Amino acid sequence: MKWLLVVLLAGCASDKSYLDPDQGPCTGLDEPTCLGDDRCQQAFDDSGFQPGPQPLRCLQLEHKVTSSTPCPGLSEGDCRDRSECAPIYWQDLGPTDGPVGDPYFKRCADPSNLGD
């Protein structure tokens, strides 16, 4: 019975990641093209090792939501619903300054002002 529970929990944990390489029509788009397509949003990554967030991947929107709420402060899910917002993911670095693990959501920003 214990093994069945572990298998079921592992199956639930394998949901599609927001950063999955397959982003439908947004897969492989460069930053300007991504920002110009309302089906997509540009995600950025930051590690603290670089001067600021860098383009990570063009993401297909989960849902299209229109709102006047500013992007800074939104949760990852709310951020991922709005093309005018940019999710910023943090990348941990190891002792040789190489990436360690997967990037994780840090904050939501306005693409024209990633410093906020």
PDB file of N, CA and C in Angstrom:
ATOM      1  N   MET A   1       0.822  -1.188   0.000  1.00  0.00           N
ATOM      2  CA  MET A   1       0.000   0.000   0.000  1.00  0.00           C
ATOM      3  C   MET A   1       0.868   1.256   0.000  1.00  0.00           C
ATOM      4  N   LYS A   2       2.002   1.231   0.705  1.00  0.00           N
ATOM      5  CA  LYS A   2       2.887   2.389   0.745  1.00  0.00           C
ATOM      6  C   LYS A   2       3.423   2.720  -0.634  1.00  0.00           C
ATOM      7  N   TRP A   3       3.741   1.711  -1.426  1.00  0.00           N
ATOM      8  CA  TRP A   3       4.304   1.942  -2.768  1.00  0.00           C
ATOM      9  C   TRP A   3       3.279   2.585  -3.695  1.00  0.00           C
ATOM     10  N   LEU A   4       2.035   2.186  -3.566  1.00  0.00           N
ATOM     11  CA  LEU A   4       0.985   2.760  -4.399  1.00  0.00           C
ATOM     12  C   LEU A   4       0.840   4.251  -4.124  1.00  0.00           C
ATOM     13  N   LEU A   5       0.898   4.648  -2.880  1.00  0.00           N
ATOM     14  CA  LEU A   5       0.800   6.055  -2.497  1.00  0.00           C
ATOM     15  C   LEU A   5       1.961   6.854  -3.081  1.00  0.00           C
ATOM     16  N   VAL A   6       3.174   6.307  -3.026  1.00  0.00           N
ATOM     17  CA  VAL A   6       4.343   6.987  -3.579  1.00  0.00           C
ATOM     18  C   VAL A   6       4.189   7.171  -5.084  1.00  0.00           C
ATOM     19  N   VAL A   7       3.725   6.148  -5.788  1.00  0.00           N
ATOM     20  CA  VAL A   7       3.535   6.239  -7.239  1.00  0.00           C
ATOM     21  C   VAL A   7       2.478   7.287  -7.567  1.00  0.00           C
ATOM     22  N   LEU A   8       1.390   7.305  -6.821  1.00  0.00           N
ATOM     23  CA  LEU A   8       0.342   8.295  -7.076  1.00  0.00           C
ATOM     24  C   LEU A   8       0.847   9.713  -6.824  1.00  0.00           C
ATOM     25  N   LEU A   9       1.599   9.924  -5.754  1.00  0.00           N
ATOM     26  CA  LEU A   9       2.137  11.252  -5.464  1.00  0.00           C
ATOM     27  C   LEU A   9       3.143  11.675  -6.513  1.00  0.00           C
ATOM     28  N   ALA A  10       3.970  10.770  -6.981  1.00  0.00           N
ATOM     29  CA  ALA A  10       4.940  11.096  -8.023  1.00  0.00           C
ATOM     30  C   ALA A  10       4.226  11.476  -9.308  1.00  0.00           C
ATOM     31  N   GLY A  11       3.148  10.804  -9.622  1.00  0.00           N
ATOM     32  CA  GLY A  11       2.380  11.138 -10.819  1.00  0.00           C
ATOM     33  C   GLY A  11       1.769  12.521 -10.729  1.00  0.00           C
ATOM     34  N   CYS A  12       1.324  12.927  -9.550  1.00  0.00           N
ATOM     35  CA  CYS A  12       0.740  14.253  -9.374  1.00  0.00           C
ATOM     36  C   CYS A  12       1.806  15.348  -9.460  1.00  0.00           C
ATOM     37  N   ALA A  13       3.032  15.032  -9.102  1.00  0.00           N
ATOM     38  CA  ALA A  13       4.087  16.038  -9.081  1.00  0.00           C
ATOM     39  C   ALA A  13       4.667  16.305 -10.467  1.00  0.00           C
ATOM     40  N   SER A  14       4.238  15.593 -11.479  1.00  0.00           N
ATOM     41  CA  SER A  14       4.850  15.746 -12.792  1.00  0.00           C
ATOM     42  C   SER A  14       4.045  16.652 -13.727  1.00  0.00           C
ATOM     43  N   ASP A  15       3.294  17.590 -13.173  1.00  0.00           N
ATOM     44  CA  ASP A  15       2.546  18.532 -14.006  1.00  0.00           C
ATOM     45  C   ASP A  15       3.504  19.324 -14.883  1.00  0.00           C
ATOM     46  N   LYS A  16       2.994  19.811 -16.023  1.00  0.00           N
ATOM     47  CA  LYS A  16       3.816  20.594 -16.944  1.00  0.00           C
ATOM     48  C   LYS A  16       4.372  21.831 -16.244  1.00  0.00           C
ATOM     49  N   SER A  17       5.636  22.055 -16.393  1.00  0.00           N
ATOM     50  CA  SER A  17       6.293  23.206 -15.794  1.00  0.00           C
ATOM     51  C   SER A  17       6.003  24.461 -16.613  1.00  0.00           C
ATOM     52  N   TYR A  18       5.929  25.583 -15.921  1.00  0.00           N
ATOM     53  CA  TYR A  18       5.786  26.856 -16.633  1.00  0.00           C
ATOM     54  C   TYR A  18       6.954  27.067 -17.594  1.00  0.00           C
ATOM     55  N   LEU A  19       8.112  26.507 -17.273  1.00  0.00           N
ATOM     56  CA  LEU A  19       9.312  26.701 -18.090  1.00  0.00           C
ATOM     57  C   LEU A  19       9.570  25.549 -19.051  1.00  0.00           C
ATOM     58  N   ASP A  20       8.573  24.727 -19.294  1.00  0.00           N
ATOM     59  CA  ASP A  20       8.711  23.620 -20.236  1.00  0.00           C
ATOM     60  C   ASP A  20       9.240  24.146 -21.573  1.00  0.00           C
ATOM     61  N   PRO A  21      10.186  23.454 -22.204  1.00  0.00           N
ATOM     62  CA  PRO A  21      10.735  23.933 -23.483  1.00  0.00           C
ATOM     63  C   PRO A  21       9.685  24.072 -24.594  1.00  0.00           C
ATOM     64  N   ASP A  22       8.636  23.254 -24.561  1.00  0.00           N
ATOM     65  CA  ASP A  22       7.589  23.344 -25.581  1.00  0.00           C
ATOM     66  C   ASP A  22       6.569  24.389 -25.146  1.00  0.00           C
ATOM     67  N   GLN A  23       6.622  25.543 -25.778  1.00  0.00           N
ATOM     68  CA  GLN A  23       5.713  26.645 -25.453  1.00  0.00           C
ATOM     69  C   GLN A  23       4.774  26.958 -26.621  1.00  0.00           C
ATOM     70  N   GLY A  24       4.414  25.927 -27.377  1.00  0.00           N
ATOM     71  CA  GLY A  24       3.474  26.088 -28.486  1.00  0.00           C
ATOM     72  C   GLY A  24       3.957  27.130 -29.479  1.00  0.00           C
ATOM     73  N   PRO A  25       3.087  28.079 -29.861  1.00  0.00           N
ATOM     74  CA  PRO A  25       3.463  29.074 -30.871  1.00  0.00           C
ATOM     75  C   PRO A  25       4.556  30.043 -30.401  1.00  0.00           C
ATOM     76  N   CYS A  26       4.889  30.011 -29.121  1.00  0.00           N
ATOM     77  CA  CYS A  26       5.899  30.919 -28.576  1.00  0.00           C
ATOM     78  C   CYS A  26       7.290  30.277 -28.513  1.00  0.00           C
ATOM     79  N   THR A  27       7.374  28.992 -28.815  1.00  0.00           N
ATOM     80  CA  THR A  27       8.639  28.266 -28.749  1.00  0.00           C
ATOM     81  C   THR A  27       9.670  28.887 -29.682  1.00  0.00           C
ATOM     82  N   GLY A  28      10.829  29.224 -29.126  1.00  0.00           N
ATOM     83  CA  GLY A  28      11.953  29.695 -29.931  1.00  0.00           C
ATOM     84  C   GLY A  28      11.875  31.135 -30.403  1.00  0.00           C
ATOM     85  N   LEU A  29      10.864  31.899 -29.991  1.00  0.00           N
ATOM     86  CA  LEU A  29      10.776  33.291 -30.441  1.00  0.00           C
ATOM     87  C   LEU A  29      11.834  34.137 -29.738  1.00  0.00           C
ATOM     88  N   ASP A  30      12.435  35.081 -30.485  1.00  0.00           N
ATOM     89  CA  ASP A  30      13.387  35.990 -29.850  1.00  0.00           C
ATOM     90  C   ASP A  30      12.615  37.019 -29.013  1.00  0.00           C
ATOM     91  N   GLU A  31      13.333  37.772 -28.206  1.00  0.00           N
ATOM     92  CA  GLU A  31      12.691  38.684 -27.266  1.00  0.00           C
ATOM     93  C   GLU A  31      11.761  39.706 -27.936  1.00  0.00           C
ATOM     94  N   PRO A  32      12.206  40.444 -28.979  1.00  0.00           N
ATOM     95  CA  PRO A  32      11.287  41.422 -29.582  1.00  0.00           C
ATOM     96  C   PRO A  32      10.034  40.782 -30.181  1.00  0.00           C
ATOM     97  N   THR A  33      10.179  39.631 -30.822  1.00  0.00           N
ATOM     98  CA  THR A  33       9.021  38.944 -31.408  1.00  0.00           C
ATOM     99  C   THR A  33       8.093  38.455 -30.311  1.00  0.00           C
ATOM    100  N   CYS A  34       8.666  37.916 -29.258  1.00  0.00           N
ATOM    101  CA  CYS A  34       7.878  37.435 -28.123  1.00  0.00           C
ATOM    102  C   CYS A  34       7.072  38.575 -27.498  1.00  0.00           C
ATOM    103  N   LEU A  35       7.728  39.691 -27.253  1.00  0.00           N
ATOM    104  CA  LEU A  35       7.048  40.834 -26.634  1.00  0.00           C
ATOM    105  C   LEU A  35       5.947  41.395 -27.527  1.00  0.00           C
ATOM    106  N   GLY A  36       6.058  41.196 -28.837  1.00  0.00           N
ATOM    107  CA  GLY A  36       5.053  41.704 -29.770  1.00  0.00           C
ATOM    108  C   GLY A  36       3.893  40.761 -30.016  1.00  0.00           C
ATOM    109  N   ASP A  37       3.928  39.565 -29.466  1.00  0.00           N
ATOM    110  CA  ASP A  37       2.872  38.569 -29.682  1.00  0.00           C
ATOM    111  C   ASP A  37       2.042  38.446 -28.416  1.00  0.00           C
ATOM    112  N   ASP A  38       0.742  38.788 -28.482  1.00  0.00           N
ATOM    113  CA  ASP A  38      -0.075  38.793 -27.266  1.00  0.00           C
ATOM    114  C   ASP A  38      -0.438  37.400 -26.760  1.00  0.00           C
ATOM    115  N   ARG A  39      -0.008  36.348 -27.462  1.00  0.00           N
ATOM    116  CA  ARG A  39      -0.191  34.983 -26.964  1.00  0.00           C
ATOM    117  C   ARG A  39       0.977  34.563 -26.074  1.00  0.00           C
ATOM    118  N   CYS A  40       2.013  35.421 -26.033  1.00  0.00           N
ATOM    119  CA  CYS A  40       3.266  35.051 -25.393  1.00  0.00           C
ATOM    120  C   CYS A  40       3.688  36.085 -24.351  1.00  0.00           C
ATOM    121  N   GLN A  41       4.645  35.694 -23.540  1.00  0.00           N
ATOM    122  CA  GLN A  41       5.296  36.629 -22.625  1.00  0.00           C
ATOM    123  C   GLN A  41       6.754  36.209 -22.483  1.00  0.00           C
ATOM    124  N   GLN A  42       7.612  37.194 -22.324  1.00  0.00           N
ATOM    125  CA  GLN A  42       9.043  36.937 -22.183  1.00  0.00           C
ATOM    126  C   GLN A  42       9.370  36.704 -20.719  1.00  0.00           C
ATOM    127  N   ALA A  43       9.959  35.556 -20.431  1.00  0.00           N
ATOM    128  CA  ALA A  43      10.443  35.265 -19.077  1.00  0.00           C
ATOM    129  C   ALA A  43      11.923  35.617 -19.011  1.00  0.00           C
ATOM    130  N   PHE A  44      12.374  35.984 -17.834  1.00  0.00           N
ATOM    131  CA  PHE A  44      13.761  36.373 -17.616  1.00  0.00           C
ATOM    132  C   PHE A  44      14.326  35.548 -16.467  1.00  0.00           C
ATOM    133  N   ASP A  45      15.651  35.427 -16.449  1.00  0.00           N
ATOM    134  CA  ASP A  45      16.272  34.794 -15.295  1.00  0.00           C
ATOM    135  C   ASP A  45      17.321  35.721 -14.716  1.00  0.00           C
ATOM    136  N   ASP A  46      17.587  35.511 -13.446  1.00  0.00           N
ATOM    137  CA  ASP A  46      18.555  36.318 -12.712  1.00  0.00           C
ATOM    138  C   ASP A  46      19.302  35.366 -11.795  1.00  0.00           C
ATOM    139  N   SER A  47      20.552  35.651 -11.576  1.00  0.00           N
ATOM    140  CA  SER A  47      21.337  34.808 -10.683  1.00  0.00           C
ATOM    141  C   SER A  47      22.090  35.632  -9.654  1.00  0.00           C
ATOM    142  N   GLY A  48      22.019  36.945  -9.767  1.00  0.00           N
ATOM    143  CA  GLY A  48      22.806  37.802  -8.898  1.00  0.00           C
ATOM    144  C   GLY A  48      24.225  37.956  -9.413  1.00  0.00           C
ATOM    145  N   PHE A  49      24.617  37.092 -10.331  1.00  0.00           N
ATOM    146  CA  PHE A  49      25.962  37.118 -10.902  1.00  0.00           C
ATOM    147  C   PHE A  49      26.017  38.033 -12.117  1.00  0.00           C
ATOM    148  N   GLN A  50      24.881  38.316 -12.709  1.00  0.00           N
ATOM    149  CA  GLN A  50      24.801  39.168 -13.891  1.00  0.00           C
ATOM    150  C   GLN A  50      24.258  40.535 -13.486  1.00  0.00           C
ATOM    151  N   PRO A  51      24.458  41.550 -14.327  1.00  0.00           N
ATOM    152  CA  PRO A  51      24.039  42.907 -13.941  1.00  0.00           C
ATOM    153  C   PRO A  51      22.530  43.087 -13.785  1.00  0.00           C
ATOM    154  N   GLY A  52      21.750  42.216 -14.380  1.00  0.00           N
ATOM    155  CA  GLY A  52      20.298  42.311 -14.284  1.00  0.00           C
ATOM    156  C   GLY A  52      19.670  41.095 -14.928  1.00  0.00           C
ATOM    157  N   PRO A  53      18.341  41.000 -14.869  1.00  0.00           N
ATOM    158  CA  PRO A  53      17.658  39.865 -15.481  1.00  0.00           C
ATOM    159  C   PRO A  53      17.959  39.764 -16.989  1.00  0.00           C
ATOM    160  N   GLN A  54      18.142  38.529 -17.454  1.00  0.00           N
ATOM    161  CA  GLN A  54      18.441  38.247 -18.852  1.00  0.00           C
ATOM    162  C   GLN A  54      17.310  37.420 -19.453  1.00  0.00           C
ATOM    163  N   PRO A  55      17.021  37.589 -20.768  1.00  0.00           N
ATOM    164  CA  PRO A  55      15.963  36.777 -21.389  1.00  0.00           C
ATOM    165  C   PRO A  55      16.220  35.285 -21.175  1.00  0.00           C
ATOM    166  N   LEU A  56      15.196  34.579 -20.766  1.00  0.00           N
ATOM    167  CA  LEU A  56      15.298  33.149 -20.501  1.00  0.00           C
ATOM    168  C   LEU A  56      14.594  32.348 -21.588  1.00  0.00           C
ATOM    169  N   ARG A  57      13.307  32.633 -21.788  1.00  0.00           N
ATOM    170  CA  ARG A  57      12.512  31.867 -22.742  1.00  0.00           C
ATOM    171  C   ARG A  57      11.212  32.614 -23.000  1.00  0.00           C
ATOM    172  N   CYS A  58      10.717  32.468 -24.223  1.00  0.00           N
ATOM    173  CA  CYS A  58       9.402  33.009 -24.559  1.00  0.00           C
ATOM    174  C   CYS A  58       8.365  31.973 -24.141  1.00  0.00           C
ATOM    175  N   LEU A  59       7.412  32.381 -23.319  1.00  0.00           N
ATOM    176  CA  LEU A  59       6.409  31.476 -22.770  1.00  0.00           C
ATOM    177  C   LEU A  59       5.037  31.726 -23.378  1.00  0.00           C
ATOM    178  N   GLN A  60       4.316  30.650 -23.609  1.00  0.00           N
ATOM    179  CA  GLN A  60       2.927  30.777 -24.039  1.00  0.00           C
ATOM    180  C   GLN A  60       2.086  31.094 -22.809  1.00  0.00           C
ATOM    181  N   LEU A  61       1.181  32.066 -22.931  1.00  0.00           N
ATOM    182  CA  LEU A  61       0.332  32.427 -21.796  1.00  0.00           C
ATOM    183  C   LEU A  61      -0.519  31.249 -21.360  1.00  0.00           C
ATOM    184  N   GLU A  62      -0.709  31.113 -20.068  1.00  0.00           N
ATOM    185  CA  GLU A  62      -1.585  30.076 -19.529  1.00  0.00           C
ATOM    186  C   GLU A  62      -3.040  30.433 -19.847  1.00  0.00           C
ATOM    187  N   HIS A  63      -3.423  31.635 -19.527  1.00  0.00           N
ATOM    188  CA  HIS A  63      -4.753  32.180 -19.797  1.00  0.00           C
ATOM    189  C   HIS A  63      -4.531  33.636 -20.151  1.00  0.00           C
ATOM    190  N   LYS A  64      -5.397  34.215 -20.915  1.00  0.00           N
ATOM    191  CA  LYS A  64      -5.265  35.630 -21.267  1.00  0.00           C
ATOM    192  C   LYS A  64      -6.164  36.435 -20.335  1.00  0.00           C
ATOM    193  N   VAL A  65      -5.550  37.224 -19.454  1.00  0.00           N
ATOM    194  CA  VAL A  65      -6.295  38.030 -18.496  1.00  0.00           C
ATOM    195  C   VAL A  65      -5.905  39.483 -18.698  1.00  0.00           C
ATOM    196  N   THR A  66      -6.897  40.357 -18.684  1.00  0.00           N
ATOM    197  CA  THR A  66      -6.659  41.789 -18.760  1.00  0.00           C
ATOM    198  C   THR A  66      -6.962  42.379 -17.394  1.00  0.00           C
ATOM    199  N   SER A  67      -6.035  43.177 -16.874  1.00  0.00           N
ATOM    200  CA  SER A  67      -6.205  43.748 -15.545  1.00  0.00           C
ATOM    201  C   SER A  67      -5.413  45.041 -15.455  1.00  0.00           C
ATOM    202  N   SER A  68      -5.845  45.926 -14.584  1.00  0.00           N
ATOM    203  CA  SER A  68      -5.106  47.163 -14.355  1.00  0.00           C
ATOM    204  C   SER A  68      -4.164  47.037 -13.153  1.00  0.00           C
ATOM    205  N   THR A  69      -4.140  45.871 -12.516  1.00  0.00           N
ATOM    206  CA  THR A  69      -3.242  45.643 -11.384  1.00  0.00           C
ATOM    207  C   THR A  69      -1.796  45.655 -11.875  1.00  0.00           C
ATOM    208  N   PRO A  70      -0.915  46.428 -11.248  1.00  0.00           N
ATOM    209  CA  PRO A  70       0.487  46.447 -11.674  1.00  0.00           C
ATOM    210  C   PRO A  70       1.121  45.056 -11.560  1.00  0.00           C
ATOM    211  N   CYS A  71       2.072  44.784 -12.437  1.00  0.00           N
ATOM    212  CA  CYS A  71       2.744  43.478 -12.456  1.00  0.00           C
ATOM    213  C   CYS A  71       3.539  43.192 -11.184  1.00  0.00           C
ATOM    214  N   PRO A  72       4.347  44.163 -10.664  1.00  0.00           N
ATOM    215  CA  PRO A  72       5.113  43.863  -9.454  1.00  0.00           C
ATOM    216  C   PRO A  72       4.188  43.434  -8.311  1.00  0.00           C
ATOM    217  N   GLY A  73       4.545  42.343  -7.670  1.00  0.00           N
ATOM    218  CA  GLY A  73       3.768  41.828  -6.556  1.00  0.00           C
ATOM    219  C   GLY A  73       2.815  40.707  -6.915  1.00  0.00           C
ATOM    220  N   LEU A  74       2.602  40.444  -8.204  1.00  0.00           N
ATOM    221  CA  LEU A  74       1.703  39.362  -8.601  1.00  0.00           C
ATOM    222  C   LEU A  74       2.344  38.002  -8.312  1.00  0.00           C
ATOM    223  N   SER A  75       1.519  37.016  -8.038  1.00  0.00           N
ATOM    224  CA  SER A  75       1.993  35.646  -7.862  1.00  0.00           C
ATOM    225  C   SER A  75       2.436  35.100  -9.222  1.00  0.00           C
ATOM    226  N   GLU A  76       3.110  33.971  -9.212  1.00  0.00           N
ATOM    227  CA  GLU A  76       3.556  33.374 -10.481  1.00  0.00           C
ATOM    228  C   GLU A  76       2.370  33.061 -11.390  1.00  0.00           C
ATOM    229  N   GLY A  77       1.313  32.469 -10.837  1.00  0.00           N
ATOM    230  CA  GLY A  77       0.146  32.133 -11.646  1.00  0.00           C
ATOM    231  C   GLY A  77      -0.512  33.359 -12.255  1.00  0.00           C
ATOM    232  N   ASP A  78      -0.694  34.413 -11.444  1.00  0.00           N
ATOM    233  CA  ASP A  78      -1.310  35.645 -11.952  1.00  0.00           C
ATOM    234  C   ASP A  78      -0.398  36.315 -12.976  1.00  0.00           C
ATOM    235  N   CYS A  79       0.899  36.286 -12.735  1.00  0.00           N
ATOM    236  CA  CYS A  79       1.862  36.870 -13.669  1.00  0.00           C
ATOM    237  C   CYS A  79       1.815  36.139 -15.013  1.00  0.00           C
ATOM    238  N   ARG A  80       1.703  34.812 -14.968  1.00  0.00           N
ATOM    239  CA  ARG A  80       1.723  33.990 -16.177  1.00  0.00           C
ATOM    240  C   ARG A  80       0.463  34.145 -17.018  1.00  0.00           C
ATOM    241  N   ASP A  81      -0.548  34.831 -16.503  1.00  0.00           N
ATOM    242  CA  ASP A  81      -1.788  35.048 -17.248  1.00  0.00           C
ATOM    243  C   ASP A  81      -1.794  36.362 -18.031  1.00  0.00           C
ATOM    244  N   ARG A  82      -0.743  37.157 -17.905  1.00  0.00           N
ATOM    245  CA  ARG A  82      -0.768  38.500 -18.501  1.00  0.00           C
ATOM    246  C   ARG A  82       0.444  38.745 -19.385  1.00  0.00           C
ATOM    247  N   SER A  83       0.180  39.039 -20.662  1.00  0.00           N
ATOM    248  CA  SER A  83       1.268  39.243 -21.624  1.00  0.00           C
ATOM    249  C   SER A  83       2.081  40.494 -21.322  1.00  0.00           C
ATOM    250  N   GLU A  84       1.504  41.451 -20.601  1.00  0.00           N
ATOM    251  CA  GLU A  84       2.225  42.691 -20.301  1.00  0.00           C
ATOM    252  C   GLU A  84       3.102  42.569 -19.053  1.00  0.00           C
ATOM    253  N   CYS A  85       3.152  41.386 -18.470  1.00  0.00           N
ATOM    254  CA  CYS A  85       4.000  41.134 -17.301  1.00  0.00           C
ATOM    255  C   CYS A  85       5.137  40.187 -17.684  1.00  0.00           C
ATOM    256  N   ALA A  86       6.224  40.270 -16.938  1.00  0.00           N
ATOM    257  CA  ALA A  86       7.389  39.414 -17.186  1.00  0.00           C
ATOM    258  C   ALA A  86       7.743  38.646 -15.921  1.00  0.00           C
ATOM    259  N   PRO A  87       7.590  37.321 -15.945  1.00  0.00           N
ATOM    260  CA  PRO A  87       8.045  36.547 -14.794  1.00  0.00           C
ATOM    261  C   PRO A  87       9.573  36.486 -14.769  1.00  0.00           C
ATOM    262  N   ILE A  88      10.129  36.681 -13.596  1.00  0.00           N
ATOM    263  CA  ILE A  88      11.582  36.606 -13.429  1.00  0.00           C
ATOM    264  C   ILE A  88      11.875  35.412 -12.535  1.00  0.00           C
ATOM    265  N   TYR A  89      12.723  34.538 -13.037  1.00  0.00           N
ATOM    266  CA  TYR A  89      13.087  33.321 -12.327  1.00  0.00           C
ATOM    267  C   TYR A  89      14.511  33.438 -11.806  1.00  0.00           C
ATOM    268  N   TRP A  90      14.752  32.932 -10.609  1.00  0.00           N
ATOM    269  CA  TRP A  90      16.065  32.965  -9.986  1.00  0.00           C
ATOM    270  C   TRP A  90      16.789  31.665 -10.282  1.00  0.00           C
ATOM    271  N   GLN A  91      18.058  31.768 -10.646  1.00  0.00           N
ATOM    272  CA  GLN A  91      18.882  30.599 -10.902  1.00  0.00           C
ATOM    273  C   GLN A  91      19.986  30.535  -9.851  1.00  0.00           C
ATOM    274  N   ASP A  92      19.936  29.519  -9.008  1.00  0.00           N
ATOM    275  CA  ASP A  92      21.009  29.324  -8.034  1.00  0.00           C
ATOM    276  C   ASP A  92      22.283  28.920  -8.760  1.00  0.00           C
ATOM    277  N   LEU A  93      23.415  29.351  -8.216  1.00  0.00           N
ATOM    278  CA  LEU A  93      24.715  29.019  -8.784  1.00  0.00           C
ATOM    279  C   LEU A  93      25.517  28.198  -7.785  1.00  0.00           C
ATOM    280  N   GLY A  94      26.351  27.317  -8.330  1.00  0.00           N
ATOM    281  CA  GLY A  94      27.204  26.486  -7.494  1.00  0.00           C
ATOM    282  C   GLY A  94      28.552  27.136  -7.260  1.00  0.00           C
ATOM    283  N   PRO A  95      29.490  26.388  -6.667  1.00  0.00           N
ATOM    284  CA  PRO A  95      30.806  26.932  -6.326  1.00  0.00           C
ATOM    285  C   PRO A  95      31.625  27.371  -7.543  1.00  0.00           C
ATOM    286  N   THR A  96      31.307  26.837  -8.730  1.00  0.00           N
ATOM    287  CA  THR A  96      32.038  27.245  -9.941  1.00  0.00           C
ATOM    288  C   THR A  96      31.223  28.256 -10.757  1.00  0.00           C
ATOM    289  N   ASP A  97      30.209  28.850 -10.134  1.00  0.00           N
ATOM    290  CA  ASP A  97      29.314  29.828 -10.772  1.00  0.00           C
ATOM    291  C   ASP A  97      28.497  29.234 -11.900  1.00  0.00           C
ATOM    292  N   GLY A  98      28.350  27.926 -11.932  1.00  0.00           N
ATOM    293  CA  GLY A  98      27.474  27.267 -12.904  1.00  0.00           C
ATOM    294  C   GLY A  98      26.096  27.072 -12.307  1.00  0.00           C
ATOM    295  N   PRO A  99      25.066  26.964 -13.164  1.00  0.00           N
ATOM    296  CA  PRO A  99      23.704  26.777 -12.661  1.00  0.00           C
ATOM    297  C   PRO A  99      23.568  25.494 -11.844  1.00  0.00           C
ATOM    298  N   VAL A 100      22.808  25.582 -10.769  1.00  0.00           N
ATOM    299  CA  VAL A 100      22.521  24.435  -9.917  1.00  0.00           C
ATOM    300  C   VAL A 100      21.005  24.329  -9.793  1.00  0.00           C
ATOM    301  N   GLY A 101      20.454  23.208 -10.193  1.00  0.00           N
ATOM    302  CA  GLY A 101      19.008  23.010 -10.110  1.00  0.00           C
ATOM    303  C   GLY A 101      18.274  23.804 -11.176  1.00  0.00           C
ATOM    304  N   ASP A 102      16.963  23.821 -11.052  1.00  0.00           N
ATOM    305  CA  ASP A 102      16.113  24.531 -12.002  1.00  0.00           C
ATOM    306  C   ASP A 102      15.831  25.938 -11.491  1.00  0.00           C
ATOM    307  N   PRO A 103      15.650  26.881 -12.416  1.00  0.00           N
ATOM    308  CA  PRO A 103      15.255  28.224 -11.985  1.00  0.00           C
ATOM    309  C   PRO A 103      13.895  28.168 -11.288  1.00  0.00           C
ATOM    310  N   TYR A 104      13.673  29.064 -10.336  1.00  0.00           N
ATOM    311  CA  TYR A 104      12.386  29.129  -9.660  1.00  0.00           C
ATOM    312  C   TYR A 104      11.902  30.573  -9.627  1.00  0.00           C
ATOM    313  N   PHE A 105      10.588  30.725  -9.562  1.00  0.00           N
ATOM    314  CA  PHE A 105       9.962  32.043  -9.630  1.00  0.00           C
ATOM    315  C   PHE A 105      10.474  32.949  -8.524  1.00  0.00           C
ATOM    316  N   LYS A 106      10.900  34.138  -8.931  1.00  0.00           N
ATOM    317  CA  LYS A 106      11.395  35.132  -7.984  1.00  0.00           C
ATOM    318  C   LYS A 106      10.371  36.250  -7.808  1.00  0.00           C
ATOM    319  N   ARG A 107       9.923  36.811  -8.939  1.00  0.00           N
ATOM    320  CA  ARG A 107       8.971  37.923  -8.868  1.00  0.00           C
ATOM    321  C   ARG A 107       8.384  38.194 -10.243  1.00  0.00           C
ATOM    322  N   CYS A 108       7.387  39.053 -10.278  1.00  0.00           N
ATOM    323  CA  CYS A 108       6.751  39.490 -11.516  1.00  0.00           C
ATOM    324  C   CYS A 108       7.123  40.949 -11.733  1.00  0.00           C
ATOM    325  N   ALA A 109       7.418  41.308 -12.983  1.00  0.00           N
ATOM    326  CA  ALA A 109       7.854  42.679 -13.281  1.00  0.00           C
ATOM    327  C   ALA A 109       7.194  43.181 -14.551  1.00  0.00           C
ATOM    328  N   ASP A 110       7.311  44.472 -14.748  1.00  0.00           N
ATOM    329  CA  ASP A 110       6.926  45.104 -16.009  1.00  0.00           C
ATOM    330  C   ASP A 110       8.117  44.944 -16.948  1.00  0.00           C
ATOM    331  N   PRO A 111       7.940  44.396 -18.163  1.00  0.00           N
ATOM    332  CA  PRO A 111       9.082  44.165 -19.058  1.00  0.00           C
ATOM    333  C   PRO A 111       9.881  45.438 -19.389  1.00  0.00           C
ATOM    334  N   SER A 112       9.240  46.592 -19.304  1.00  0.00           N
ATOM    335  CA  SER A 112       9.965  47.842 -19.603  1.00  0.00           C
ATOM    336  C   SER A 112      10.764  48.335 -18.400  1.00  0.00           C
ATOM    337  N   ASN A 113      10.565  47.716 -17.237  1.00  0.00           N
ATOM    338  CA  ASN A 113      11.288  48.116 -16.035  1.00  0.00           C
ATOM    339  C   ASN A 113      11.542  46.876 -15.176  1.00  0.00           C
ATOM    340  N   LEU A 114      12.502  46.086 -15.575  1.00  0.00           N
ATOM    341  CA  LEU A 114      12.770  44.816 -14.883  1.00  0.00           C
ATOM    342  C   LEU A 114      13.355  45.008 -13.497  1.00  0.00           C
ATOM    343  N   GLY A 115      13.805  46.208 -13.193  1.00  0.00           N
ATOM    344  CA  GLY A 115      14.404  46.469 -11.888  1.00  0.00           C
ATOM    345  C   GLY A 115      13.388  46.547 -10.757  1.00  0.00           C
ATOM    346  N   ASP A 116      12.123  46.724 -11.082  1.00  0.00           N
ATOM    347  CA  ASP A 116      11.107  46.831 -10.017  1.00  0.00           C
ATOM    348  C   ASP A 116      10.808  45.495  -9.406  1.00  0.00           C
TER     349      ASP A 116
END
